[in-house]
Amino acid sequence: MKNYGTITIPKGTIGYESESGYNNWWYPDKSSSLEFPRDIKVEHLKHWRNQDPMMVFCVPLCAFKPAELFENARPKYITVWFHKEHLDEIINSQNA
């Protein structure tokens, strides 16, 4: 599996929150989409299994919550899933 490392997800990108599923593993919840309100750096969770065709990333909660709420929020990160093809488009456009 490709390791995406840390990348910048641009404003307006749609991702999907995680939901607990079979054997309490985490899966993308396609009914719970999130639109990124600004550009944000995210980190690929490369050790999570079964990430094809969607990949999972660690996203700072402050991307979606105001800064003053971030101080008291638990957890400080959420997991967001993206389609692999969309990630490749994002990376290719940033490297062009």
N, C-alpha and C. Protein backbone atom coordinates (compact mmCIF):
# COMPACT_ATOMS: atom_id res chain seq x y z
N MET A 1 0.84 -1.17 0.00
CA MET A 1 0.00 0.00 0.00
C MET A 1 0.89 1.24 0.00
N LYS A 2 0.46 2.23 -0.75
CA LYS A 2 1.18 3.49 -0.84
C LYS A 2 1.07 4.27 0.48
N ASN A 3 2.18 4.84 0.91
CA ASN A 3 2.20 5.71 2.09
C ASN A 3 2.13 7.15 1.60
N TYR A 4 1.05 7.85 1.91
CA TYR A 4 0.89 9.23 1.47
C TYR A 4 1.62 10.22 2.38
N GLY A 5 2.04 9.78 3.55
CA GLY A 5 2.75 10.67 4.47
C GLY A 5 1.87 11.83 4.90
N THR A 6 2.45 13.00 4.97
CA THR A 6 1.71 14.21 5.33
C THR A 6 1.45 15.00 4.06
N ILE A 7 0.18 15.31 3.81
CA ILE A 7 -0.19 16.08 2.63
C ILE A 7 -1.13 17.21 3.04
N THR A 8 -1.31 18.18 2.14
CA THR A 8 -2.25 19.27 2.37
C THR A 8 -3.53 19.01 1.60
N ILE A 9 -4.62 18.95 2.32
CA ILE A 9 -5.94 18.78 1.70
C ILE A 9 -6.51 20.17 1.47
N PRO A 10 -6.88 20.50 0.23
CA PRO A 10 -7.37 21.86 -0.05
C PRO A 10 -8.80 22.11 0.43
N LYS A 11 -9.08 23.37 0.66
CA LYS A 11 -10.41 23.83 1.04
C LYS A 11 -11.43 23.29 0.03
N GLY A 12 -12.57 22.83 0.54
CA GLY A 12 -13.64 22.34 -0.31
C GLY A 12 -13.61 20.84 -0.57
N THR A 13 -12.52 20.18 -0.18
CA THR A 13 -12.41 18.73 -0.37
C THR A 13 -13.40 18.02 0.54
N ILE A 14 -14.01 16.96 0.02
CA ILE A 14 -14.96 16.17 0.79
C ILE A 14 -14.28 14.89 1.28
N GLY A 15 -14.40 14.63 2.56
CA GLY A 15 -13.92 13.38 3.17
C GLY A 15 -15.05 12.76 3.96
N TYR A 16 -14.80 11.58 4.51
CA TYR A 16 -15.83 10.85 5.24
C TYR A 16 -15.32 10.46 6.62
N GLU A 17 -16.13 10.71 7.64
CA GLU A 17 -15.76 10.33 8.99
C GLU A 17 -15.73 8.81 9.13
N SER A 18 -15.12 8.35 10.21
CA SER A 18 -15.05 6.92 10.49
C SER A 18 -16.28 6.46 11.27
N GLU A 19 -16.60 5.19 11.12
CA GLU A 19 -17.62 4.55 11.94
C GLU A 19 -17.09 3.18 12.34
N SER A 20 -17.51 2.72 13.50
CA SER A 20 -17.11 1.40 13.97
C SER A 20 -17.95 0.35 13.26
N GLY A 21 -17.30 -0.73 12.82
CA GLY A 21 -18.01 -1.76 12.09
C GLY A 21 -17.62 -3.15 12.54
N TYR A 22 -17.52 -4.06 11.61
CA TYR A 22 -17.23 -5.47 11.85
C TYR A 22 -16.00 -5.63 12.74
N ASN A 23 -16.12 -6.41 13.81
CA ASN A 23 -15.05 -6.65 14.79
C ASN A 23 -14.51 -5.36 15.40
N ASN A 24 -15.35 -4.33 15.47
CA ASN A 24 -14.97 -3.02 16.01
C ASN A 24 -13.84 -2.34 15.24
N TRP A 25 -13.66 -2.70 13.98
CA TRP A 25 -12.72 -2.00 13.12
C TRP A 25 -13.38 -0.73 12.64
N TRP A 26 -12.57 0.25 12.21
CA TRP A 26 -13.10 1.52 11.73
C TRP A 26 -13.18 1.50 10.21
N TYR A 27 -14.29 2.03 9.72
CA TYR A 27 -14.57 2.06 8.28
C TYR A 27 -15.06 3.45 7.91
N PRO A 28 -15.00 3.81 6.61
CA PRO A 28 -15.57 5.11 6.20
C PRO A 28 -17.09 5.09 6.30
N ASP A 29 -17.64 6.14 6.85
CA ASP A 29 -19.10 6.30 6.94
C ASP A 29 -19.53 7.21 5.80
N LYS A 30 -19.99 6.61 4.71
CA LYS A 30 -20.33 7.37 3.52
C LYS A 30 -21.55 8.26 3.71
N SER A 31 -22.24 8.13 4.82
CA SER A 31 -23.38 9.01 5.09
C SER A 31 -22.96 10.20 5.96
N SER A 32 -21.69 10.26 6.33
CA SER A 32 -21.19 11.34 7.19
C SER A 32 -20.03 12.05 6.51
N SER A 33 -20.36 12.89 5.54
CA SER A 33 -19.31 13.60 4.81
C SER A 33 -18.93 14.90 5.51
N LEU A 34 -17.69 15.31 5.29
CA LEU A 34 -17.16 16.55 5.84
C LEU A 34 -16.54 17.35 4.69
N GLU A 35 -16.84 18.63 4.63
CA GLU A 35 -16.19 19.50 3.66
C GLU A 35 -15.14 20.32 4.39
N PHE A 36 -13.91 20.31 3.88
CA PHE A 36 -12.83 21.03 4.53
C PHE A 36 -13.03 22.54 4.35
N PRO A 37 -13.10 23.29 5.47
CA PRO A 37 -13.36 24.72 5.39
C PRO A 37 -12.13 25.55 5.01
N ARG A 38 -10.97 24.94 5.03
CA ARG A 38 -9.71 25.61 4.65
C ARG A 38 -8.68 24.54 4.33
N ASP A 39 -7.55 24.95 3.77
CA ASP A 39 -6.45 24.01 3.52
C ASP A 39 -5.93 23.52 4.87
N ILE A 40 -5.65 22.21 4.95
CA ILE A 40 -5.17 21.65 6.22
C ILE A 40 -4.23 20.49 5.96
N LYS A 41 -3.15 20.41 6.74
CA LYS A 41 -2.21 19.29 6.63
C LYS A 41 -2.78 18.10 7.39
N VAL A 42 -2.71 16.93 6.73
CA VAL A 42 -3.22 15.70 7.32
C VAL A 42 -2.15 14.62 7.21
N GLU A 43 -2.22 13.64 8.08
CA GLU A 43 -1.22 12.57 8.09
C GLU A 43 -1.88 11.22 7.80
N HIS A 44 -1.33 10.52 6.83
CA HIS A 44 -1.86 9.21 6.45
C HIS A 44 -1.62 8.21 7.58
N LEU A 45 -2.64 7.46 7.92
CA LEU A 45 -2.52 6.40 8.93
C LEU A 45 -2.18 5.10 8.19
N LYS A 46 -0.94 5.00 7.77
CA LYS A 46 -0.49 3.93 6.87
C LYS A 46 -0.58 2.53 7.46
N HIS A 47 -0.66 2.43 8.78
CA HIS A 47 -0.68 1.10 9.40
C HIS A 47 -2.09 0.53 9.54
N TRP A 48 -3.09 1.34 9.22
CA TRP A 48 -4.46 0.81 9.26
C TRP A 48 -4.64 -0.14 8.10
N ARG A 49 -5.36 -1.21 8.32
CA ARG A 49 -5.54 -2.23 7.28
C ARG A 49 -6.75 -1.92 6.40
N ASN A 50 -6.79 -2.60 5.26
CA ASN A 50 -7.94 -2.55 4.34
C ASN A 50 -8.28 -1.12 3.91
N GLN A 51 -7.30 -0.43 3.35
CA GLN A 51 -7.49 0.95 2.94
C GLN A 51 -7.61 1.11 1.43
N ASP A 52 -8.14 0.18 0.76
CA ASP A 52 -8.27 0.36 -0.68
C ASP A 52 -9.71 0.10 -1.07
N PRO A 53 -10.44 0.98 -1.66
CA PRO A 53 -10.05 2.16 -2.44
C PRO A 53 -10.09 3.47 -1.66
N MET A 54 -10.39 3.43 -0.36
CA MET A 54 -10.38 4.65 0.44
C MET A 54 -9.23 4.60 1.43
N MET A 55 -8.61 5.76 1.64
CA MET A 55 -7.47 5.88 2.53
C MET A 55 -7.86 6.75 3.73
N VAL A 56 -7.27 6.43 4.90
CA VAL A 56 -7.64 7.12 6.13
C VAL A 56 -6.50 8.02 6.60
N PHE A 57 -6.89 9.20 7.10
CA PHE A 57 -5.93 10.20 7.54
C PHE A 57 -6.32 10.74 8.91
N CYS A 58 -5.30 11.15 9.65
CA CYS A 58 -5.46 11.81 10.94
C CYS A 58 -5.58 13.31 10.65
N VAL A 59 -6.67 13.91 11.11
CA VAL A 59 -6.96 15.31 10.82
C VAL A 59 -7.14 16.06 12.14
N PRO A 60 -6.44 17.18 12.32
CA PRO A 60 -6.65 17.97 13.54
C PRO A 60 -8.10 18.43 13.63
N LEU A 61 -8.69 18.25 14.79
CA LEU A 61 -10.08 18.64 14.99
C LEU A 61 -10.29 20.13 14.75
N CYS A 62 -9.26 20.93 14.97
CA CYS A 62 -9.40 22.38 14.79
C CYS A 62 -9.71 22.74 13.34
N ALA A 63 -9.56 21.81 12.41
CA ALA A 63 -9.94 22.07 11.02
C ALA A 63 -11.43 22.31 10.91
N PHE A 64 -12.20 21.75 11.82
CA PHE A 64 -13.65 21.84 11.77
C PHE A 64 -14.27 22.59 12.94
N LYS A 65 -13.50 22.80 14.00
CA LYS A 65 -14.01 23.48 15.20
C LYS A 65 -13.23 24.77 15.40
N PRO A 66 -13.87 25.79 15.94
CA PRO A 66 -13.14 27.03 16.24
C PRO A 66 -12.00 26.76 17.22
N ALA A 67 -10.96 27.55 17.13
CA ALA A 67 -9.76 27.37 17.96
C ALA A 67 -10.07 27.34 19.44
N GLU A 68 -10.99 28.16 19.91
CA GLU A 68 -11.27 28.19 21.34
C GLU A 68 -11.89 26.88 21.83
N LEU A 69 -12.59 26.17 20.95
CA LEU A 69 -13.13 24.87 21.33
C LEU A 69 -12.08 23.78 21.28
N PHE A 70 -11.06 23.99 20.46
CA PHE A 70 -10.02 22.97 20.27
C PHE A 70 -9.28 22.69 21.58
N GLU A 71 -9.09 23.68 22.41
CA GLU A 71 -8.35 23.49 23.65
C GLU A 71 -9.00 22.46 24.57
N ASN A 72 -10.32 22.42 24.60
CA ASN A 72 -11.03 21.53 25.50
C ASN A 72 -11.55 20.27 24.81
N ALA A 73 -11.37 20.17 23.53
CA ALA A 73 -11.93 19.04 22.77
C ALA A 73 -11.15 17.76 23.04
N ARG A 74 -11.86 16.66 23.13
CA ARG A 74 -11.27 15.33 23.21
C ARG A 74 -12.00 14.46 22.23
N PRO A 75 -11.39 13.78 21.33
CA PRO A 75 -9.97 13.81 21.03
C PRO A 75 -9.60 15.05 20.22
N LYS A 76 -8.32 15.30 20.11
CA LYS A 76 -7.85 16.47 19.36
C LYS A 76 -7.69 16.16 17.88
N TYR A 77 -7.88 14.91 17.50
CA TYR A 77 -7.79 14.50 16.10
C TYR A 77 -8.99 13.63 15.77
N ILE A 78 -9.36 13.64 14.51
CA ILE A 78 -10.39 12.74 14.01
C ILE A 78 -9.81 12.00 12.81
N THR A 79 -10.43 10.90 12.45
CA THR A 79 -10.00 10.16 11.27
C THR A 79 -10.98 10.45 10.13
N VAL A 80 -10.41 10.75 8.98
CA VAL A 80 -11.21 11.09 7.81
C VAL A 80 -10.70 10.25 6.64
N TRP A 81 -11.63 9.71 5.86
CA TRP A 81 -11.33 8.85 4.72
C TRP A 81 -11.51 9.62 3.42
N PHE A 82 -10.62 9.33 2.45
CA PHE A 82 -10.69 9.93 1.12
C PHE A 82 -10.55 8.84 0.07
N HIS A 83 -11.19 9.03 -1.08
CA HIS A 83 -11.00 8.11 -2.20
C HIS A 83 -9.56 8.24 -2.71
N LYS A 84 -8.92 7.11 -2.97
CA LYS A 84 -7.53 7.09 -3.42
C LYS A 84 -7.35 7.91 -4.69
N GLU A 85 -8.29 7.80 -5.63
CA GLU A 85 -8.17 8.54 -6.89
C GLU A 85 -8.19 10.05 -6.65
N HIS A 86 -9.04 10.48 -5.70
CA HIS A 86 -9.12 11.90 -5.39
C HIS A 86 -7.81 12.38 -4.75
N LEU A 87 -7.23 11.57 -3.88
CA LEU A 87 -5.95 11.93 -3.26
C LEU A 87 -4.87 12.09 -4.32
N ASP A 88 -4.82 11.15 -5.27
CA ASP A 88 -3.82 11.24 -6.33
C ASP A 88 -3.99 12.50 -7.16
N GLU A 89 -5.24 12.90 -7.43
CA GLU A 89 -5.50 14.14 -8.15
C GLU A 89 -4.99 15.35 -7.36
N ILE A 90 -5.24 15.36 -6.06
CA ILE A 90 -4.79 16.46 -5.20
C ILE A 90 -3.27 16.56 -5.23
N ILE A 91 -2.60 15.43 -5.06
CA ILE A 91 -1.13 15.42 -5.04
C ILE A 91 -0.57 15.84 -6.39
N ASN A 92 -1.14 15.34 -7.48
CA ASN A 92 -0.66 15.72 -8.81
C ASN A 92 -0.85 17.20 -9.08
N SER A 93 -1.96 17.78 -8.63
CA SER A 93 -2.19 19.21 -8.87
C SER A 93 -1.24 20.07 -8.03
N GLN A 94 -0.86 19.59 -6.85
CA GLN A 94 0.08 20.34 -6.00
C GLN A 94 1.51 20.26 -6.53
N ASN A 95 1.81 19.17 -7.25
CA ASN A 95 3.15 19.00 -7.79
C ASN A 95 3.31 19.55 -9.20
N ALA A 96 2.21 20.04 -9.79
CA ALA A 96 2.26 20.54 -11.17
C ALA A 96 2.89 21.90 -11.25
